[in-house]
């Protein structure tokens, strides 16, 4: 409804919903385990893909890193996979595909 947008109610409601769900994810034992540790900087801070301001997702393997870290360095997981493929010539790339289905 456009009236809720114009009145500011929609923004307030969505911000409250965002804060509630973010806190749930951080406190819930199951949901909190869905976070990532930035492998590039090894910070102990758990990061989540929905933190769009500070995180970035690798377009190849979908791992999550701090945005600043991924801008400075290539994805370490993809680098490891490429190195492994070069060391194992008998393994085709189809065996290392990341099936997201």
PDB file of N, CA and C in Angstrom:
ATOM      1  N   UNK A   1       0.841  -1.175   0.000  1.00  0.00           N
ATOM      2  CA  UNK A   1       0.000   0.000   0.000  1.00  0.00           C
ATOM      3  C   UNK A   1       0.886   1.239   0.000  1.00  0.00           C
ATOM      4  N   UNK A   2       0.654   2.139  -0.921  1.00  0.00           N
ATOM      5  CA  UNK A   2       1.497   3.325  -1.047  1.00  0.00           C
ATOM      6  C   UNK A   2       1.366   4.277   0.138  1.00  0.00           C
ATOM      7  N   UNK A   3       0.226   4.273   0.797  1.00  0.00           N
ATOM      8  CA  UNK A   3       0.053   5.153   1.955  1.00  0.00           C
ATOM      9  C   UNK A   3       1.002   4.775   3.091  1.00  0.00           C
ATOM     10  N   UNK A   4       1.240   3.484   3.272  1.00  0.00           N
ATOM     11  CA  UNK A   4       2.175   3.066   4.329  1.00  0.00           C
ATOM     12  C   UNK A   4       3.603   3.450   3.973  1.00  0.00           C
ATOM     13  N   UNK A   5       3.904   3.504   2.689  1.00  0.00           N
ATOM     14  CA  UNK A   5       5.235   3.949   2.264  1.00  0.00           C
ATOM     15  C   UNK A   5       5.375   5.443   2.505  1.00  0.00           C
ATOM     16  N   UNK A   6       4.386   6.202   2.072  1.00  0.00           N
ATOM     17  CA  UNK A   6       4.434   7.658   2.225  1.00  0.00           C
ATOM     18  C   UNK A   6       4.445   8.093   3.686  1.00  0.00           C
ATOM     19  N   UNK A   7       3.733   7.384   4.531  1.00  0.00           N
ATOM     20  CA  UNK A   7       3.662   7.757   5.948  1.00  0.00           C
ATOM     21  C   UNK A   7       4.921   7.375   6.719  1.00  0.00           C
ATOM     22  N   UNK A   8       5.742   6.511   6.138  1.00  0.00           N
ATOM     23  CA  UNK A   8       6.946   6.058   6.832  1.00  0.00           C
ATOM     24  C   UNK A   8       6.730   4.789   7.629  1.00  0.00           C
ATOM     25  N   UNK A   9       5.476   4.341   7.708  1.00  0.00           N
ATOM     26  CA  UNK A   9       5.170   3.127   8.468  1.00  0.00           C
ATOM     27  C   UNK A   9       5.867   1.910   7.874  1.00  0.00           C
ATOM     28  N   UNK A  10       5.871   1.802   6.552  1.00  0.00           N
ATOM     29  CA  UNK A  10       6.475   0.638   5.896  1.00  0.00           C
ATOM     30  C   UNK A  10       7.962   0.544   6.228  1.00  0.00           C
ATOM     31  N   UNK A  11       8.668   1.658   6.167  1.00  0.00           N
ATOM     32  CA  UNK A  11      10.100   1.654   6.484  1.00  0.00           C
ATOM     33  C   UNK A  11      10.339   1.235   7.933  1.00  0.00           C
ATOM     34  N   UNK A  12       9.562   1.787   8.843  1.00  0.00           N
ATOM     35  CA  UNK A  12       9.687   1.431  10.257  1.00  0.00           C
ATOM     36  C   UNK A  12       9.402  -0.049  10.467  1.00  0.00           C
ATOM     37  N   UNK A  13       8.341  -0.532   9.848  1.00  0.00           N
ATOM     38  CA  UNK A  13       7.964  -1.938   9.980  1.00  0.00           C
ATOM     39  C   UNK A  13       9.064  -2.853   9.432  1.00  0.00           C
ATOM     40  N   UNK A  14       9.596  -2.525   8.267  1.00  0.00           N
ATOM     41  CA  UNK A  14      10.647  -3.355   7.670  1.00  0.00           C
ATOM     42  C   UNK A  14      11.935  -3.309   8.488  1.00  0.00           C
ATOM     43  N   UNK A  15      12.277  -2.146   9.031  1.00  0.00           N
ATOM     44  CA  UNK A  15      13.462  -2.050   9.892  1.00  0.00           C
ATOM     45  C   UNK A  15      13.297  -2.889  11.148  1.00  0.00           C
ATOM     46  N   UNK A  16      12.114  -2.857  11.747  1.00  0.00           N
ATOM     47  CA  UNK A  16      11.846  -3.686  12.927  1.00  0.00           C
ATOM     48  C   UNK A  16      11.950  -5.165  12.588  1.00  0.00           C
ATOM     49  N   UNK A  17      11.406  -5.545  11.458  1.00  0.00           N
ATOM     50  CA  UNK A  17      11.474  -6.936  11.014  1.00  0.00           C
ATOM     51  C   UNK A  17      12.919  -7.362  10.763  1.00  0.00           C
ATOM     52  N   UNK A  18      13.690  -6.497  10.124  1.00  0.00           N
ATOM     53  CA  UNK A  18      15.100  -6.787   9.864  1.00  0.00           C
ATOM     54  C   UNK A  18      15.874  -6.945  11.167  1.00  0.00           C
ATOM     55  N   UNK A  19      15.651  -6.050  12.115  1.00  0.00           N
ATOM     56  CA  UNK A  19      16.339  -6.140  13.410  1.00  0.00           C
ATOM     57  C   UNK A  19      15.961  -7.415  14.154  1.00  0.00           C
ATOM     58  N   UNK A  20      14.684  -7.765  14.135  1.00  0.00           N
ATOM     59  CA  UNK A  20      14.222  -8.974  14.812  1.00  0.00           C
ATOM     60  C   UNK A  20      14.870 -10.221  14.205  1.00  0.00           C
ATOM     61  N   UNK A  21      14.847 -10.327  12.886  1.00  0.00           N
ATOM     62  CA  UNK A  21      15.398 -11.528  12.247  1.00  0.00           C
ATOM     63  C   UNK A  21      16.917 -11.600  12.399  1.00  0.00           C
ATOM     64  N   UNK A  22      17.578 -10.467  12.334  1.00  0.00           N
ATOM     65  CA  UNK A  22      19.036 -10.454  12.520  1.00  0.00           C
ATOM     66  C   UNK A  22      19.401 -10.927  13.920  1.00  0.00           C
ATOM     67  N   UNK A  23      18.699 -10.430  14.923  1.00  0.00           N
ATOM     68  CA  UNK A  23      18.958 -10.867  16.299  1.00  0.00           C
ATOM     69  C   UNK A  23      18.648 -12.350  16.474  1.00  0.00           C
ATOM     70  N   UNK A  24      17.581 -12.813  15.856  1.00  0.00           N
ATOM     71  CA  UNK A  24      17.253 -14.239  15.935  1.00  0.00           C
ATOM     72  C   UNK A  24      18.397 -15.073  15.369  1.00  0.00           C
ATOM     73  N   UNK A  25      18.891 -14.701  14.212  1.00  0.00           N
ATOM     74  CA  UNK A  25      19.963 -15.464  13.569  1.00  0.00           C
ATOM     75  C   UNK A  25      21.205 -15.489  14.452  1.00  0.00           C
ATOM     76  N   UNK A  26      21.526 -14.378  15.069  1.00  0.00           N
ATOM     77  CA  UNK A  26      22.721 -14.313  15.925  1.00  0.00           C
ATOM     78  C   UNK A  26      22.563 -15.136  17.212  1.00  0.00           C
ATOM     79  N   UNK A  27      21.354 -15.235  17.753  1.00  0.00           N
ATOM     80  CA  UNK A  27      21.136 -15.915  19.039  1.00  0.00           C
ATOM     81  C   UNK A  27      20.708 -17.373  18.917  1.00  0.00           C
ATOM     82  N   UNK A  28      20.072 -17.738  17.834  1.00  0.00           N
ATOM     83  CA  UNK A  28      19.560 -19.096  17.651  1.00  0.00           C
ATOM     84  C   UNK A  28      20.731 -20.055  17.404  1.00  0.00           C
ATOM     85  N   UNK A  29      20.781 -21.146  18.152  1.00  0.00           N
ATOM     86  CA  UNK A  29      21.883 -22.099  18.011  1.00  0.00           C
ATOM     87  C   UNK A  29      21.955 -22.695  16.612  1.00  0.00           C
ATOM     88  N   UNK A  30      20.839 -22.957  16.009  1.00  0.00           N
ATOM     89  CA  UNK A  30      20.821 -23.537  14.669  1.00  0.00           C
ATOM     90  C   UNK A  30      21.152 -22.494  13.602  1.00  0.00           C
ATOM     91  N   UNK A  31      20.481 -21.364  13.640  1.00  0.00           N
ATOM     92  CA  UNK A  31      20.678 -20.330  12.616  1.00  0.00           C
ATOM     93  C   UNK A  31      22.074 -19.707  12.676  1.00  0.00           C
ATOM     94  N   UNK A  32      22.603 -19.529  13.872  1.00  0.00           N
ATOM     95  CA  UNK A  32      23.917 -18.894  14.003  1.00  0.00           C
ATOM     96  C   UNK A  32      25.021 -19.732  13.369  1.00  0.00           C
ATOM     97  N   UNK A  33      24.789 -21.025  13.229  1.00  0.00           N
ATOM     98  CA  UNK A  33      25.797 -21.899  12.627  1.00  0.00           C
ATOM     99  C   UNK A  33      25.817 -21.812  11.108  1.00  0.00           C
ATOM    100  N   UNK A  34      24.925 -21.040  10.535  1.00  0.00           N
ATOM    101  CA  UNK A  34      24.884 -20.857   9.083  1.00  0.00           C
ATOM    102  C   UNK A  34      25.797 -19.726   8.636  1.00  0.00           C
ATOM    103  N   UNK A  35      26.501 -19.117   9.573  1.00  0.00           N
ATOM    104  CA  UNK A  35      27.395 -18.014   9.250  1.00  0.00           C
ATOM    105  C   UNK A  35      28.717 -18.504   8.688  1.00  0.00           C
ATOM    106  N   UNK A  36      29.545 -17.561   8.305  1.00  0.00           N
ATOM    107  CA  UNK A  36      30.849 -17.845   7.712  1.00  0.00           C
ATOM    108  C   UNK A  36      31.936 -17.122   8.498  1.00  0.00           C
ATOM    109  N   UNK A  37      33.132 -17.657   8.439  1.00  0.00           N
ATOM    110  CA  UNK A  37      34.329 -16.976   8.925  1.00  0.00           C
ATOM    111  C   UNK A  37      35.105 -16.562   7.682  1.00  0.00           C
ATOM    112  N   UNK A  38      35.510 -15.313   7.619  1.00  0.00           N
ATOM    113  CA  UNK A  38      36.263 -14.840   6.460  1.00  0.00           C
ATOM    114  C   UNK A  38      37.614 -15.545   6.448  1.00  0.00           C
ATOM    115  N   UNK A  39      37.811 -16.378   5.461  1.00  0.00           N
ATOM    116  CA  UNK A  39      39.037 -17.163   5.354  1.00  0.00           C
ATOM    117  C   UNK A  39      40.231 -16.302   4.957  1.00  0.00           C
ATOM    118  N   UNK A  40      39.975 -15.134   4.417  1.00  0.00           N
ATOM    119  CA  UNK A  40      41.065 -14.273   3.966  1.00  0.00           C
ATOM    120  C   UNK A  40      41.729 -13.576   5.150  1.00  0.00           C
ATOM    121  N   UNK A  41      40.927 -12.969   6.029  1.00  0.00           N
ATOM    122  CA  UNK A  41      41.509 -12.235   7.160  1.00  0.00           C
ATOM    123  C   UNK A  41      41.488 -13.038   8.457  1.00  0.00           C
ATOM    124  N   UNK A  42      40.781 -14.160   8.473  1.00  0.00           N
ATOM    125  CA  UNK A  42      40.673 -15.040   9.643  1.00  0.00           C
ATOM    126  C   UNK A  42      40.123 -14.341  10.882  1.00  0.00           C
ATOM    127  N   UNK A  43      39.309 -13.334  10.683  1.00  0.00           N
ATOM    128  CA  UNK A  43      38.666 -12.665  11.809  1.00  0.00           C
ATOM    129  C   UNK A  43      37.728 -13.649  12.498  1.00  0.00           C
ATOM    130  N   UNK A  44      37.616 -13.542  13.802  1.00  0.00           N
ATOM    131  CA  UNK A  44      36.729 -14.429  14.561  1.00  0.00           C
ATOM    132  C   UNK A  44      35.264 -14.034  14.400  1.00  0.00           C
ATOM    133  N   UNK A  45      35.015 -12.895  13.792  1.00  0.00           N
ATOM    134  CA  UNK A  45      33.648 -12.416  13.592  1.00  0.00           C
ATOM    135  C   UNK A  45      32.908 -13.321  12.603  1.00  0.00           C
ATOM    136  N   UNK A  46      31.734 -13.774  12.994  1.00  0.00           N
ATOM    137  CA  UNK A  46      30.903 -14.580  12.094  1.00  0.00           C
ATOM    138  C   UNK A  46      30.149 -13.617  11.185  1.00  0.00           C
ATOM    139  N   UNK A  47      30.212 -13.885   9.882  1.00  0.00           N
ATOM    140  CA  UNK A  47      29.541 -13.023   8.913  1.00  0.00           C
ATOM    141  C   UNK A  47      28.475 -13.822   8.169  1.00  0.00           C
ATOM    142  N   UNK A  48      27.486 -13.103   7.667  1.00  0.00           N
ATOM    143  CA  UNK A  48      26.351 -13.733   6.996  1.00  0.00           C
ATOM    144  C   UNK A  48      26.150 -13.091   5.628  1.00  0.00           C
ATOM    145  N   UNK A  49      25.675 -13.863   4.663  1.00  0.00           N
ATOM    146  CA  UNK A  49      25.486 -13.328   3.309  1.00  0.00           C
ATOM    147  C   UNK A  49      24.505 -12.158   3.237  1.00  0.00           C
ATOM    148  N   UNK A  50      23.582 -12.058   4.185  1.00  0.00           N
ATOM    149  CA  UNK A  50      22.610 -10.967   4.143  1.00  0.00           C
ATOM    150  C   UNK A  50      23.197  -9.638   4.609  1.00  0.00           C
ATOM    151  N   UNK A  51      24.421  -9.655   5.124  1.00  0.00           N
ATOM    152  CA  UNK A  51      25.081  -8.416   5.541  1.00  0.00           C
ATOM    153  C   UNK A  51      25.714  -7.774   4.304  1.00  0.00           C
ATOM    154  N   UNK A  52      24.879  -7.239   3.447  1.00  0.00           N
ATOM    155  CA  UNK A  52      25.316  -6.749   2.145  1.00  0.00           C
ATOM    156  C   UNK A  52      26.312  -5.602   2.223  1.00  0.00           C
ATOM    157  N   UNK A  53      26.288  -4.851   3.302  1.00  0.00           N
ATOM    158  CA  UNK A  53      27.196  -3.711   3.433  1.00  0.00           C
ATOM    159  C   UNK A  53      28.637  -4.160   3.654  1.00  0.00           C
ATOM    160  N   UNK A  54      28.828  -5.311   4.311  1.00  0.00           N
ATOM    161  CA  UNK A  54      30.189  -5.711   4.688  1.00  0.00           C
ATOM    162  C   UNK A  54      30.645  -7.023   4.063  1.00  0.00           C
ATOM    163  N   UNK A  55      29.742  -7.771   3.422  1.00  0.00           N
ATOM    164  CA  UNK A  55      30.144  -9.068   2.877  1.00  0.00           C
ATOM    165  C   UNK A  55      29.971  -9.126   1.370  1.00  0.00           C
ATOM    166  N   UNK A  56      30.689 -10.074   0.797  1.00  0.00           N
ATOM    167  CA  UNK A  56      30.585 -10.347  -0.631  1.00  0.00           C
ATOM    168  C   UNK A  56      30.686 -11.848  -0.816  1.00  0.00           C
ATOM    169  N   UNK A  57      29.984 -12.358  -1.801  1.00  0.00           N
ATOM    170  CA  UNK A  57      29.954 -13.795  -2.064  1.00  0.00           C
ATOM    171  C   UNK A  57      30.738 -14.068  -3.341  1.00  0.00           C
ATOM    172  N   UNK A  58      31.597 -15.084  -3.310  1.00  0.00           N
ATOM    173  CA  UNK A  58      32.341 -15.482  -4.501  1.00  0.00           C
ATOM    174  C   UNK A  58      31.338 -15.948  -5.557  1.00  0.00           C
ATOM    175  N   UNK A  59      31.490 -15.459  -6.760  1.00  0.00           N
ATOM    176  CA  UNK A  59      30.554 -15.800  -7.832  1.00  0.00           C
ATOM    177  C   UNK A  59      30.739 -17.222  -8.345  1.00  0.00           C
ATOM    178  N   UNK A  60      31.887 -17.829  -8.053  1.00  0.00           N
ATOM    179  CA  UNK A  60      32.148 -19.193  -8.524  1.00  0.00           C
ATOM    180  C   UNK A  60      31.742 -20.253  -7.499  1.00  0.00           C
ATOM    181  N   UNK A  61      32.172 -20.096  -6.252  1.00  0.00           N
ATOM    182  CA  UNK A  61      31.936 -21.147  -5.252  1.00  0.00           C
ATOM    183  C   UNK A  61      30.927 -20.734  -4.179  1.00  0.00           C
ATOM    184  N   UNK A  62      30.505 -19.477  -4.197  1.00  0.00           N
ATOM    185  CA  UNK A  62      29.482 -18.954  -3.289  1.00  0.00           C
ATOM    186  C   UNK A  62      29.932 -18.831  -1.835  1.00  0.00           C
ATOM    187  N   UNK A  63      31.235 -18.929  -1.562  1.00  0.00           N
ATOM    188  CA  UNK A  63      31.732 -18.688  -0.209  1.00  0.00           C
ATOM    189  C   UNK A  63      31.571 -17.204   0.116  1.00  0.00           C
ATOM    190  N   UNK A  64      31.496 -16.895   1.395  1.00  0.00           N
ATOM    191  CA  UNK A  64      31.255 -15.521   1.839  1.00  0.00           C
ATOM    192  C   UNK A  64      32.502 -14.980   2.528  1.00  0.00           C
ATOM    193  N   UNK A  65      32.855 -13.742   2.185  1.00  0.00           N
ATOM    194  CA  UNK A  65      34.030 -13.071   2.740  1.00  0.00           C
ATOM    195  C   UNK A  65      33.665 -11.625   3.048  1.00  0.00           C
ATOM    196  N   UNK A  66      34.522 -10.952   3.816  1.00  0.00           N
ATOM    197  CA  UNK A  66      34.361  -9.511   3.960  1.00  0.00           C
ATOM    198  C   UNK A  66      34.547  -8.891   2.574  1.00  0.00           C
ATOM    199  N   UNK A  67      33.756  -7.916   2.273  1.00  0.00           N
ATOM    200  CA  UNK A  67      33.814  -7.260   0.964  1.00  0.00           C
ATOM    201  C   UNK A  67      35.215  -6.704   0.699  1.00  0.00           C
ATOM    202  N   UNK A  68      35.796  -6.038   1.704  1.00  0.00           N
ATOM    203  CA  UNK A  68      37.134  -5.459   1.544  1.00  0.00           C
ATOM    204  C   UNK A  68      38.187  -6.532   1.299  1.00  0.00           C
ATOM    205  N   UNK A  69      38.053  -7.658   1.960  1.00  0.00           N
ATOM    206  CA  UNK A  69      39.030  -8.740   1.807  1.00  0.00           C
ATOM    207  C   UNK A  69      38.976  -9.333   0.403  1.00  0.00           C
ATOM    208  N   UNK A  70      37.779  -9.582  -0.106  1.00  0.00           N
ATOM    209  CA  UNK A  70      37.633 -10.207  -1.418  1.00  0.00           C
ATOM    210  C   UNK A  70      38.044  -9.264  -2.539  1.00  0.00           C
ATOM    211  N   UNK A  71      37.984  -7.958  -2.298  1.00  0.00           N
ATOM    212  CA  UNK A  71      38.446  -6.996  -3.300  1.00  0.00           C
ATOM    213  C   UNK A  71      39.964  -7.022  -3.422  1.00  0.00           C
ATOM    214  N   UNK A  72      40.657  -7.351  -2.329  1.00  0.00           N
ATOM    215  CA  UNK A  72      42.121  -7.326  -2.309  1.00  0.00           C
ATOM    216  C   UNK A  72      42.745  -8.645  -2.738  1.00  0.00           C
ATOM    217  N   UNK A  73      42.021  -9.730  -2.596  1.00  0.00           N
ATOM    218  CA  UNK A  73      42.589 -11.063  -2.825  1.00  0.00           C
ATOM    219  C   UNK A  73      41.563 -11.954  -3.504  1.00  0.00           C
ATOM    220  N   UNK A  74      42.047 -12.861  -4.318  1.00  0.00           N
ATOM    221  CA  UNK A  74      41.171 -13.817  -4.996  1.00  0.00           C
ATOM    222  C   UNK A  74      40.623 -14.818  -3.973  1.00  0.00           C
ATOM    223  N   UNK A  75      39.498 -15.415  -4.273  1.00  0.00           N
ATOM    224  CA  UNK A  75      38.858 -16.381  -3.383  1.00  0.00           C
ATOM    225  C   UNK A  75      39.808 -17.545  -3.092  1.00  0.00           C
ATOM    226  N   UNK A  76      40.150 -17.777  -1.815  1.00  0.00           N
ATOM    227  CA  UNK A  76      41.084 -18.849  -1.478  1.00  0.00           C
ATOM    228  C   UNK A  76      40.533 -20.241  -1.782  1.00  0.00           C
ATOM    229  N   UNK A  77      39.243 -20.424  -1.660  1.00  0.00           N
ATOM    230  CA  UNK A  77      38.652 -21.735  -1.950  1.00  0.00           C
ATOM    231  C   UNK A  77      38.793 -22.062  -3.437  1.00  0.00           C
ATOM    232  N   UNK A  78      38.518 -21.094  -4.298  1.00  0.00           N
ATOM    233  CA  UNK A  78      38.670 -21.311  -5.744  1.00  0.00           C
ATOM    234  C   UNK A  78      40.133 -21.540  -6.109  1.00  0.00           C
ATOM    235  N   UNK A  79      41.025 -20.816  -5.453  1.00  0.00           N
ATOM    236  CA  UNK A  79      42.458 -20.995  -5.691  1.00  0.00           C
ATOM    237  C   UNK A  79      42.890 -22.406  -5.313  1.00  0.00           C
ATOM    238  N   UNK A  80      42.430 -22.899  -4.153  1.00  0.00           N
ATOM    239  CA  UNK A  80      42.751 -24.266  -3.733  1.00  0.00           C
ATOM    240  C   UNK A  80      42.206 -25.290  -4.715  1.00  0.00           C
ATOM    241  N   UNK A  81      40.986 -25.106  -5.166  1.00  0.00           N
ATOM    242  CA  UNK A  81      40.368 -26.048  -6.108  1.00  0.00           C
ATOM    243  C   UNK A  81      41.152 -26.096  -7.419  1.00  0.00           C
ATOM    244  N   UNK A  82      41.584 -24.931  -7.915  1.00  0.00           N
ATOM    245  CA  UNK A  82      42.376 -24.896  -9.149  1.00  0.00           C
ATOM    246  C   UNK A  82      43.720 -25.589  -8.957  1.00  0.00           C
ATOM    247  N   UNK A  83      44.369 -25.332  -7.824  1.00  0.00           N
ATOM    248  CA  UNK A  83      45.655 -25.964  -7.540  1.00  0.00           C
ATOM    249  C   UNK A  83      45.493 -27.484  -7.460  1.00  0.00           C
ATOM    250  N   UNK A  84      44.422 -27.928  -6.824  1.00  0.00           N
ATOM    251  CA  UNK A  84      44.150 -29.359  -6.698  1.00  0.00           C
ATOM    252  C   UNK A  84      43.936 -29.988  -8.073  1.00  0.00           C
ATOM    253  N   UNK A  85      43.192 -29.302  -8.934  1.00  0.00           N
ATOM    254  CA  UNK A  85      42.950 -29.827 -10.281  1.00  0.00           C
ATOM    255  C   UNK A  85      44.246 -29.947 -11.076  1.00  0.00           C
ATOM    256  N   UNK A  86      45.163 -28.996 -10.876  1.00  0.00           N
ATOM    257  CA  UNK A  86      46.445 -29.043 -11.582  1.00  0.00           C
ATOM    258  C   UNK A  86      47.316 -30.182 -11.067  1.00  0.00           C
ATOM    259  N   UNK A  87      47.231 -30.488  -9.778  1.00  0.00           N
ATOM    260  CA  UNK A  87      48.034 -31.554  -9.184  1.00  0.00           C
ATOM    261  C   UNK A  87      47.446 -32.928  -9.440  1.00  0.00           C
ATOM    262  N   UNK A  88      46.174 -32.994  -9.747  1.00  0.00           N
ATOM    263  CA  UNK A  88      45.485 -34.261  -9.984  1.00  0.00           C
ATOM    264  C   UNK A  88      44.972 -34.294 -11.426  1.00  0.00           C
ATOM    265  N   UNK A  89      45.841 -34.551 -12.398  1.00  0.00           N
ATOM    266  CA  UNK A  89      45.428 -34.477 -13.808  1.00  0.00           C
ATOM    267  C   UNK A  89      44.357 -35.502 -14.187  1.00  0.00           C
ATOM    268  N   UNK A  90      44.218 -36.580 -13.431  1.00  0.00           N
ATOM    269  CA  UNK A  90      43.228 -37.609 -13.757  1.00  0.00           C
ATOM    270  C   UNK A  90      41.815 -37.242 -13.307  1.00  0.00           C
ATOM    271  N   UNK A  91      41.710 -36.208 -12.495  1.00  0.00           N
ATOM    272  CA  UNK A  91      40.398 -35.794 -12.005  1.00  0.00           C
ATOM    273  C   UNK A  91      39.886 -34.680 -12.902  1.00  0.00           C
ATOM    274  N   UNK A  92      38.759 -34.912 -13.515  1.00  0.00           N
ATOM    275  CA  UNK A  92      38.156 -33.905 -14.372  1.00  0.00           C
ATOM    276  C   UNK A  92      37.460 -32.836 -13.553  1.00  0.00           C
ATOM    277  N   UNK A  93      37.259 -31.701 -14.167  1.00  0.00           N
ATOM    278  CA  UNK A  93      36.626 -30.590 -13.456  1.00  0.00           C
ATOM    279  C   UNK A  93      35.190 -30.911 -13.054  1.00  0.00           C
ATOM    280  N   UNK A  94      34.547 -31.861 -13.739  1.00  0.00           N
ATOM    281  CA  UNK A  94      33.167 -32.213 -13.386  1.00  0.00           C
ATOM    282  C   UNK A  94      33.084 -32.824 -11.993  1.00  0.00           C
ATOM    283  N   UNK A  95      34.181 -33.376 -11.485  1.00  0.00           N
ATOM    284  CA  UNK A  95      34.187 -33.954 -10.138  1.00  0.00           C
ATOM    285  C   UNK A  95      34.302 -32.888  -9.052  1.00  0.00           C
ATOM    286  N   UNK A  96      34.676 -31.690  -9.441  1.00  0.00           N
ATOM    287  CA  UNK A  96      34.833 -30.610  -8.470  1.00  0.00           C
ATOM    288  C   UNK A  96      33.735 -29.564  -8.596  1.00  0.00           C
ATOM    289  N   UNK A  97      32.714 -29.852  -9.367  1.00  0.00           N
ATOM    290  CA  UNK A  97      31.621 -28.901  -9.525  1.00  0.00           C
ATOM    291  C   UNK A  97      30.885 -28.722  -8.209  1.00  0.00           C
ATOM    292  N   UNK A  98      30.410 -27.533  -8.006  1.00  0.00           N
ATOM    293  CA  UNK A  98      29.633 -27.226  -6.812  1.00  0.00           C
ATOM    294  C   UNK A  98      28.167 -27.274  -7.202  1.00  0.00           C
ATOM    295  N   UNK A  99      27.539 -28.392  -6.967  1.00  0.00           N
ATOM    296  CA  UNK A  99      26.138 -28.571  -7.324  1.00  0.00           C
ATOM    297  C   UNK A  99      25.272 -27.894  -6.280  1.00  0.00           C
ATOM    298  N   UNK A 100      24.532 -26.883  -6.687  1.00  0.00           N
ATOM    299  CA  UNK A 100      23.715 -26.109  -5.754  1.00  0.00           C
ATOM    300  C   UNK A 100      22.265 -26.581  -5.741  1.00  0.00           C
ATOM    301  N   UNK A 101      21.943 -27.705  -6.367  1.00  0.00           N
ATOM    302  CA  UNK A 101      20.563 -28.206  -6.379  1.00  0.00           C
ATOM    303  C   UNK A 101      20.244 -28.974  -5.134  1.00  0.00           C
TER     304      UNK A 101
END
